[in-house]
């Protein structure tokens, strides 16, 4: 396992790392050193240990802020997805209402057609009864 030698707050530190993590480790160390520079005015006034703690606290604060920001972004995205979903559902409701109206019109047309058919059947039945009566009266004569 390779070792990276670096200096943090004037102390030489050796860090073991995986080959695939080398670039990431260098970036992390560079960012950490940049963060420590923000507390450069405190060097000599407080211990390096306290500076490290302040830098770590600041890093944690940024992580929390980023996490909250990410959560808010996800919440906004979820609301947008729900709004899109609501729009889709609204469109589907409109389409279903249109279909319902068409089916209702067709149903009324069928009712009218059935009513006419029953009317015609009634006429045919009356004609059959009349014809039957005529046949019976002719056979009686």
Protein backbone atom coordinates (compact mmCIF):
# COMPACT_ATOMS: atom_id res chain seq x y z
CA UNK A 1 0.00 0.00 0.00
CA UNK A 2 1.59 3.33 -1.05
CA UNK A 3 2.16 6.11 1.45
CA UNK A 4 1.61 9.83 0.88
CA UNK A 5 3.78 12.20 2.90
CA UNK A 6 2.21 15.60 3.57
CA UNK A 7 2.47 18.47 5.99
CA UNK A 8 -0.43 19.69 8.07
CA UNK A 9 0.08 22.52 10.57
CA UNK A 10 3.83 22.11 10.30
CA UNK A 11 3.75 18.39 11.12
CA UNK A 12 4.83 15.76 8.60
CA UNK A 13 2.17 13.07 8.26
CA UNK A 14 2.33 9.79 6.37
CA UNK A 15 -0.99 8.45 5.06
CA UNK A 16 -1.47 5.00 3.54
CA UNK A 17 -3.88 4.90 0.60
CA UNK A 18 -5.16 2.72 -2.20
CA UNK A 19 -3.80 3.55 -5.67
CA UNK A 20 -7.30 4.39 -6.91
CA UNK A 21 -7.75 6.90 -4.05
CA UNK A 22 -4.55 8.95 -4.59
CA UNK A 23 -6.12 11.90 -6.44
CA UNK A 24 -9.03 12.00 -4.05
CA UNK A 25 -6.68 11.99 -1.05
CA UNK A 26 -4.62 14.84 -2.49
CA UNK A 27 -7.76 16.92 -3.07
CA UNK A 28 -8.95 16.26 0.46
CA UNK A 29 -5.60 17.28 1.95
CA UNK A 30 -5.50 20.40 -0.22
CA UNK A 31 -9.01 21.42 0.86
CA UNK A 32 -8.18 20.71 4.50
CA UNK A 33 -5.04 22.85 4.29
CA UNK A 34 -7.09 25.63 2.68
CA UNK A 35 -9.56 25.36 5.55
CA UNK A 36 -6.70 25.57 8.06
CA UNK A 37 -5.48 28.76 6.35
CA UNK A 38 -8.77 30.38 7.39
CA UNK A 39 -7.56 30.00 11.00
CA UNK A 40 -3.99 31.17 10.29
CA UNK A 41 -4.58 34.31 12.39
CA UNK A 42 -5.06 32.05 15.44
CA UNK A 43 -1.73 30.22 15.08
CA UNK A 44 0.41 30.88 18.08
CA UNK A 45 -2.59 32.17 20.03
CA UNK A 46 -4.25 28.80 20.48
CA UNK A 47 -2.94 25.26 20.14
CA UNK A 48 -2.81 23.41 16.83
CA UNK A 49 -5.20 20.89 18.35
CA UNK A 50 -7.83 23.62 18.84
CA UNK A 51 -7.25 24.86 15.29
CA UNK A 52 -7.81 21.31 14.02
CA UNK A 53 -11.01 21.10 16.07
CA UNK A 54 -12.23 24.44 14.66
CA UNK A 55 -11.44 23.30 11.11
CA UNK A 56 -13.26 20.01 11.71
CA UNK A 57 -16.27 21.85 13.16
CA UNK A 58 -16.36 24.15 10.15
CA UNK A 59 -16.21 21.11 7.85
CA UNK A 60 -19.08 19.50 9.73
CA UNK A 61 -21.07 22.73 9.48
CA UNK A 62 -20.59 22.80 5.72
CA UNK A 63 -21.55 19.13 5.43
CA UNK A 64 -24.76 19.81 7.37
CA UNK A 65 -25.52 22.85 5.19
CA UNK A 66 -24.92 20.82 2.04
CA UNK A 67 -27.07 17.99 3.35
CA UNK A 68 -29.89 20.39 4.18
CA UNK A 69 -29.55 22.02 0.77
CA UNK A 70 -29.64 18.63 -0.91
CA UNK A 71 -32.71 17.64 1.10
CA UNK A 72 -34.45 20.88 0.13
CA UNK A 73 -33.57 20.31 -3.53
CA UNK A 74 -34.92 16.76 -3.33
CA UNK A 75 -38.08 18.07 -1.67
CA UNK A 76 -38.55 20.62 -4.46
CA UNK A 77 -37.95 17.94 -7.09
CA UNK A 78 -40.46 15.65 -5.38
CA UNK A 79 -43.03 18.47 -5.29
CA UNK A 80 -42.44 19.11 -8.98
CA UNK A 81 -42.85 15.40 -9.71
CA UNK A 82 -46.08 15.38 -7.72
CA UNK A 83 -47.29 18.47 -9.60
CA UNK A 84 -46.51 16.76 -12.90
CA UNK A 85 -48.24 13.64 -11.64
CA UNK A 86 -51.27 15.71 -10.61
CA UNK A 87 -51.33 17.29 -14.07
CA UNK A 88 -51.20 13.82 -15.65
CA UNK A 89 -54.01 12.62 -13.41
CA UNK A 90 -56.05 15.75 -14.21
CA UNK A 91 -55.58 15.11 -17.93
CA UNK A 92 -56.64 11.50 -17.45
CA UNK A 93 -59.73 12.60 -15.51
CA UNK A 94 -60.66 14.99 -18.32
CA UNK A 95 -60.23 12.21 -20.89
CA UNK A 96 -62.30 9.81 -18.80
CA UNK A 97 -65.07 12.42 -18.42
CA UNK A 98 -65.07 12.89 -22.20
CA UNK A 99 -65.36 9.13 -22.68
CA UNK A 100 -68.14 9.00 -20.07
CA UNK A 101 -70.04 11.75 -21.92
CA UNK A 102 -69.66 9.92 -25.25
CA UNK A 103 -70.84 6.67 -23.68
CA UNK A 104 -73.78 8.46 -22.08
CA UNK A 105 -74.82 9.84 -25.47
CA UNK A 106 -74.45 6.38 -27.03
CA UNK A 107 -76.48 4.89 -24.18
CA UNK A 108 -79.29 7.41 -24.78
CA UNK A 109 -79.19 6.63 -28.51
CA UNK A 110 -79.49 2.91 -27.71
CA UNK A 111 -82.40 3.59 -25.34
CA UNK A 112 -84.19 5.49 -28.12
CA UNK A 113 -83.45 2.68 -30.58
CA UNK A 114 -84.72 0.05 -28.11
CA UNK A 115 -87.84 2.13 -27.48
CA UNK A 116 -88.49 2.33 -31.23
CA UNK A 117 -87.86 -1.42 -31.53
CA UNK A 118 -90.41 -2.12 -28.78
CA UNK A 119 -92.83 0.22 -30.54
CA UNK A 120 -92.38 -1.72 -33.76
CA UNK A 121 -92.75 -5.02 -31.87
CA UNK A 122 -96.00 -3.71 -30.36
CA UNK A 123 -97.27 -2.86 -33.88
CA UNK A 124 -96.25 -6.31 -35.14
CA UNK A 125 -97.96 -7.95 -32.13
CA UNK A 126 -101.16 -5.97 -32.81
CA UNK A 127 -101.00 -6.98 -36.47
CA UNK A 128 -100.52 -10.63 -35.48
CA UNK A 129 -103.46 -10.42 -33.08
CA UNK A 130 -105.62 -8.78 -35.78
CA UNK A 131 -104.59 -11.37 -38.35
CA UNK A 132 -105.20 -14.18 -35.86
CA UNK A 133 -108.63 -12.74 -35.08
CA UNK A 134 -109.41 -12.49 -38.80
CA UNK A 135 -108.31 -16.08 -39.40
CA UNK A 136 -110.41 -17.29 -36.46
CA UNK A 137 -113.46 -15.32 -37.60
CA UNK A 138 -113.09 -16.65 -41.15
CA UNK A 139 -112.76 -20.19 -39.94
CA UNK A 140 -115.92 -19.79 -37.82
CA UNK A 141 -117.88 -18.62 -40.85
